[in-house]
Amino acid sequence: MSAMNDKHILSSFDRDLESIQANVMKMGGLVEAALANAAAALENRDVELAEQVRAGDKAIDALDVTVKTEAARLIALRAPTAIDLRLVLAVMEISSHLERCGDYAKNIAKRTLTVTGGTEIEGAHGALRRMSRYVEEMMKDALDAYIQRDVAKSQEVIARDAEADQIYNTLFRSLLTHMMEDPRNIAVGMQLHFIAKNIERVGDHATNIAEQTIYMVTGELPDDDRPKQDRTSLTLQEGPIQ
C-alpha cells in the first residue's frame, strides 16, 4: 500500500473521530447546563425549569446513541490501530459517563418537583447549591482536560473527588440531624439526601472521565487506590423514581 493511501486512511479516521468527539463535547455542554439548571430549579423551587431539565435529557440520550453508533461504524470501517482503537474506546466510555450524568440531572429535577411546597430545612438548599457548583467545576475541568489531552489536569480532577465526598458526607449528617430532631423533616430530608447523592455521583463520573483521558493519552488507567469518603451507602438506600 502506498504512503499516499496510508495518509488518506489516517485522515479519514481522524475526520470521523473528530465528528464523534464534536458530539461528545455537545453532550458535555448539555450535561453542564442540565446540572446547573437542576440546581437552580431546586434552589429557587422553579417547577418550570425542573420540567425543562427532565425534557432535555432526551437530547443527551440521543447524542449518546449517535456517538456509540458512529464509533462502532468507525471501528468496523477503518480497522484502527491499537492506539487509535484506544481513542475510540475512551470516547465511548466518556459518552456513557455523560449520559449517566444527564440521568442524575433529570433525577434531581424530578425530586425537585416532590419537595416544592414542602417543609423547608434550614440551610439545605444553599448547601446543595454549593455542592453542585463544586461538582460542576469538576465536570468542566474533566472535559477541558479531555479536549486538551491534559494528564496533569485530569489527575487534579481525580484528587478533588475526595473533597466532593466530604462535602456530601457533611450535608448528609446535617440532613440526618434535622430529620432526627423533627419527624416532619423526614419526607423532605430523604428527598434532599437523594438529590445530594445524585450530585455526588456526578463527581464520580467526572473522575471517571478524567481517568479515561489519562488512559487515552498514556494507555494506562490510574490505580484505583482512592479511598471513597462516602460512608452513607449502608445507611440509606435510594428507591426508584419514575
Protein backbone atom coordinates (compact mmCIF):
# COMPACT_ATOMS: atom_id res chain seq x y z
CA MET A 1 0.00 0.00 0.00
CA SER A 2 1.38 3.40 -0.90
CA ALA A 3 2.23 6.15 1.57
CA MET A 4 -0.43 8.29 -0.09
CA ASN A 5 -3.10 5.69 0.66
CA ASP A 6 -1.84 5.41 4.25
CA LYS A 7 -2.22 9.15 4.62
CA HIS A 8 -5.71 9.03 3.11
CA ILE A 9 -6.86 6.33 5.55
CA LEU A 10 -5.35 8.17 8.51
CA SER A 11 -7.01 11.44 7.57
CA SER A 12 -10.35 9.68 7.11
CA PHE A 13 -10.07 8.15 10.58
CA ASP A 14 -9.14 11.48 12.12
CA ARG A 15 -12.03 13.20 10.35
CA ASP A 16 -14.52 10.59 11.56
CA LEU A 17 -13.14 10.70 15.11
CA GLU A 18 -13.33 14.48 15.13
CA SER A 19 -17.03 14.27 14.24
CA ILE A 20 -17.64 11.81 17.08
CA GLN A 21 -15.73 13.97 19.55
CA ALA A 22 -17.75 17.00 18.49
CA ASN A 23 -20.91 15.16 19.55
CA VAL A 24 -19.28 14.17 22.84
CA MET A 25 -18.49 17.81 23.56
CA LYS A 26 -22.02 18.79 22.60
CA MET A 27 -23.20 16.22 25.15
CA GLY A 28 -20.83 17.74 27.69
CA GLY A 29 -22.32 21.19 27.16
CA LEU A 30 -25.86 19.87 27.55
CA VAL A 31 -24.92 17.97 30.70
CA GLU A 32 -23.25 21.01 32.26
CA ALA A 33 -26.33 23.10 31.50
CA ALA A 34 -28.67 20.41 32.85
CA LEU A 35 -26.75 20.16 36.12
CA ALA A 36 -26.68 23.93 36.57
CA ASN A 37 -30.38 24.27 35.74
CA ALA A 38 -31.36 21.38 38.00
CA ALA A 39 -29.51 23.01 40.90
CA ALA A 40 -31.06 26.40 40.15
CA ALA A 41 -34.54 24.86 39.91
CA LEU A 42 -34.06 23.25 43.31
CA GLU A 43 -32.72 26.38 44.97
CA ASN A 44 -35.45 28.61 43.52
CA ARG A 45 -38.21 25.96 43.62
CA ASP A 46 -38.68 26.59 39.92
CA VAL A 47 -41.05 23.89 38.66
CA GLU A 48 -40.94 25.07 35.04
CA LEU A 49 -37.13 24.93 34.91
CA ALA A 50 -37.16 21.48 36.52
CA GLU A 51 -39.53 20.26 33.80
CA GLN A 52 -37.20 21.68 31.13
CA VAL A 53 -34.32 19.66 32.60
CA ARG A 54 -36.43 16.50 32.54
CA ALA A 55 -37.43 17.03 28.91
CA GLY A 56 -33.88 17.94 27.86
CA ASP A 57 -32.48 14.57 28.90
CA LYS A 58 -33.83 13.04 25.69
CA ALA A 59 -31.36 15.08 23.65
CA ILE A 60 -28.46 13.83 25.79
CA ASP A 61 -29.61 10.23 25.38
CA ALA A 62 -29.92 10.68 21.62
CA LEU A 63 -26.37 12.03 21.35
CA ASP A 64 -25.07 9.07 23.34
CA VAL A 65 -26.71 6.70 20.86
CA THR A 66 -25.21 8.67 17.96
CA VAL A 67 -21.73 8.57 19.46
CA LYS A 68 -21.92 4.82 20.10
CA THR A 69 -23.27 4.11 16.61
CA GLU A 70 -20.65 6.25 14.86
CA ALA A 71 -17.85 4.80 16.98
CA ALA A 72 -18.90 1.23 16.15
CA ARG A 73 -19.04 2.15 12.47
CA LEU A 74 -15.59 3.74 12.71
CA ILE A 75 -14.11 0.59 14.21
CA ALA A 76 -15.74 -1.61 11.56
CA LEU A 77 -14.81 0.50 8.54
CA ARG A 78 -11.41 1.93 9.45
CA ALA A 79 -9.85 -1.05 11.26
CA PRO A 80 -7.96 1.28 13.63
CA THR A 81 -4.54 0.52 15.03
CA ALA A 82 -4.22 -0.29 18.73
CA ILE A 83 -3.58 3.35 19.65
CA ASP A 84 -6.45 4.64 17.53
CA LEU A 85 -8.75 1.97 18.92
CA ARG A 86 -7.87 3.19 22.41
CA LEU A 87 -9.04 6.67 21.44
CA VAL A 88 -12.36 5.39 20.14
CA LEU A 89 -13.00 3.21 23.20
CA ALA A 90 -12.17 6.10 25.55
CA VAL A 91 -14.61 8.35 23.69
CA MET A 92 -17.34 5.73 24.02
CA GLU A 93 -16.68 5.45 27.76
CA ILE A 94 -16.79 9.22 28.22
CA SER A 95 -20.08 9.34 26.33
CA SER A 96 -21.52 6.74 28.72
CA HIS A 97 -20.42 8.75 31.76
CA LEU A 98 -22.02 11.90 30.35
CA GLU A 99 -25.25 10.05 29.63
CA ARG A 100 -25.40 8.91 33.26
CA CYS A 101 -24.82 12.46 34.45
CA GLY A 102 -27.75 13.57 32.33
CA ASP A 103 -29.84 10.96 34.14
CA TYR A 104 -28.72 12.32 37.50
CA ALA A 105 -29.67 15.86 36.47
CA LYS A 106 -33.08 14.54 35.41
CA ASN A 107 -33.50 12.75 38.75
CA ILE A 108 -32.60 15.93 40.64
CA ALA A 109 -35.25 17.77 38.64
CA LYS A 110 -37.84 15.05 39.38
CA ARG A 111 -37.18 15.20 43.11
CA THR A 112 -37.29 19.00 42.99
CA LEU A 113 -40.94 18.65 41.96
CA THR A 114 -41.60 16.49 45.06
CA VAL A 115 -40.04 18.91 47.57
CA THR A 116 -41.51 22.11 46.16
CA GLY A 117 -44.09 23.40 48.61
CA GLY A 118 -42.92 21.04 51.34
CA THR A 119 -41.11 21.61 54.62
CA GLU A 120 -38.09 23.92 54.42
CA ILE A 121 -34.90 22.57 56.05
CA GLU A 122 -32.71 25.49 57.06
CA GLY A 123 -29.52 25.80 55.02
CA ALA A 124 -30.12 22.67 52.96
CA HIS A 125 -30.77 24.31 49.60
CA GLY A 126 -27.75 26.61 49.91
CA ALA A 127 -25.53 23.65 50.83
CA LEU A 128 -26.83 21.66 47.87
CA ARG A 129 -26.14 24.58 45.58
CA ARG A 130 -22.55 24.90 46.84
CA MET A 131 -22.03 21.18 46.43
CA SER A 132 -23.46 21.28 42.93
CA ARG A 133 -21.15 24.13 41.93
CA TYR A 134 -18.14 22.20 43.18
CA VAL A 135 -19.08 19.12 41.18
CA GLU A 136 -19.96 21.19 38.10
CA GLU A 137 -16.43 22.63 38.19
CA MET A 138 -15.03 19.09 38.39
CA MET A 139 -17.02 18.15 35.30
CA LYS A 140 -15.97 21.28 33.41
CA ASP A 141 -12.31 20.69 34.20
CA ALA A 142 -12.57 16.98 33.32
CA LEU A 143 -13.99 17.87 29.90
CA ASP A 144 -11.37 20.59 29.37
CA ALA A 145 -8.64 18.10 30.25
CA TYR A 146 -10.11 15.65 27.75
CA ILE A 147 -10.06 18.21 24.94
CA GLN A 148 -6.53 19.32 25.84
CA ARG A 149 -5.28 15.75 26.44
CA ASP A 150 -4.01 17.12 29.76
CA VAL A 151 -2.91 14.33 32.10
CA ALA A 152 -1.92 16.67 34.95
CA LYS A 153 -5.27 18.43 34.90
CA SER A 154 -7.04 15.07 34.84
CA GLN A 155 -5.09 14.00 37.90
CA GLU A 156 -6.17 17.18 39.68
CA VAL A 157 -9.81 16.36 38.98
CA ILE A 158 -9.34 12.86 40.38
CA ALA A 159 -7.76 14.27 43.54
CA ARG A 160 -10.74 16.58 44.09
CA ASP A 161 -13.22 13.71 44.29
CA ALA A 162 -12.32 13.11 47.94
CA GLU A 163 -13.40 16.67 48.77
CA ALA A 164 -16.69 16.15 46.90
CA ASP A 165 -17.30 13.06 49.02
CA GLN A 166 -16.55 15.02 52.19
CA ILE A 167 -18.95 17.81 51.21
CA TYR A 168 -21.61 15.18 50.64
CA ASN A 169 -20.97 13.49 53.99
CA THR A 170 -21.22 16.82 55.85
CA LEU A 171 -24.52 17.61 54.15
CA PHE A 172 -25.83 14.12 54.84
CA ARG A 173 -25.06 14.43 58.56
CA SER A 174 -26.81 17.80 58.66
CA LEU A 175 -29.93 16.40 56.98
CA LEU A 176 -29.91 13.42 59.32
CA THR A 177 -29.76 15.70 62.34
CA HIS A 178 -32.76 17.72 61.13
CA MET A 179 -34.73 14.51 60.49
CA MET A 180 -33.95 13.16 63.96
CA GLU A 181 -34.86 16.42 65.67
CA ASP A 182 -38.21 16.80 63.92
CA PRO A 183 -40.07 13.91 62.21
CA ARG A 184 -41.82 16.45 60.00
CA ASN A 185 -38.49 16.90 58.22
CA ILE A 186 -38.14 13.23 57.28
CA ALA A 187 -40.04 13.21 53.97
CA VAL A 188 -38.26 16.26 52.55
CA GLY A 189 -34.97 15.31 54.18
CA MET A 190 -34.97 11.95 52.44
CA GLN A 191 -35.62 13.58 49.07
CA LEU A 192 -32.85 16.13 49.63
CA HIS A 193 -30.49 13.32 50.60
CA PHE A 194 -31.18 11.50 47.35
CA ILE A 195 -30.60 14.75 45.45
CA ALA A 196 -27.26 15.16 47.23
CA LYS A 197 -26.36 11.58 46.37
CA ASN A 198 -27.06 12.23 42.69
CA ILE A 199 -24.79 15.28 42.80
CA GLU A 200 -22.05 13.24 44.48
CA ARG A 201 -22.33 10.61 41.76
CA VAL A 202 -21.78 13.26 39.10
CA GLY A 203 -18.45 13.92 40.80
CA ASP A 204 -17.66 10.21 40.48
CA HIS A 205 -18.37 10.33 36.75
CA ALA A 206 -16.25 13.47 36.31
CA THR A 207 -13.46 11.48 37.96
CA ASN A 208 -14.09 8.58 35.58
CA ILE A 209 -13.86 10.93 32.59
CA ALA A 210 -10.53 12.22 33.90
CA GLU A 211 -9.32 8.63 34.24
CA GLN A 212 -10.35 7.88 30.66
CA THR A 213 -8.37 10.90 29.46
CA ILE A 214 -5.29 9.55 31.20
CA TYR A 215 -5.91 6.14 29.61
CA MET A 216 -6.37 7.74 26.21
CA VAL A 217 -3.05 9.60 26.46
CA THR A 218 -0.87 7.06 28.29
CA GLY A 219 -2.51 3.72 27.60
CA GLU A 220 -2.82 3.03 31.33
CA LEU A 221 -5.67 3.62 33.75
CA PRO A 222 -4.71 5.23 37.08
CA ASP A 223 -4.55 2.87 40.03
CA ASP A 224 -7.91 2.94 41.78
CA ASP A 225 -6.45 3.42 45.23
CA ARG A 226 -8.56 6.43 46.17
CA PRO A 227 -10.46 5.58 49.37
CA LYS A 228 -14.08 6.56 48.97
CA GLN A 229 -15.13 9.08 51.61
CA ASP A 230 -18.83 8.34 51.18
CA ARG A 231 -19.94 6.26 54.14
CA THR A 232 -23.70 6.62 53.76
CA SER A 233 -24.47 3.85 51.28
CA LEU A 234 -25.29 1.43 54.08
CA THR A 235 -27.33 3.99 55.96
CA LEU A 236 -29.97 4.94 53.40
CA GLN A 237 -30.88 3.23 50.16
CA GLU A 238 -32.42 5.21 47.34
CA GLY A 239 -35.63 3.87 45.95
CA PRO A 240 -36.62 4.09 42.30
CA ILE A 241 -38.14 7.27 40.98
CA GLN A 242 -40.21 7.40 37.86
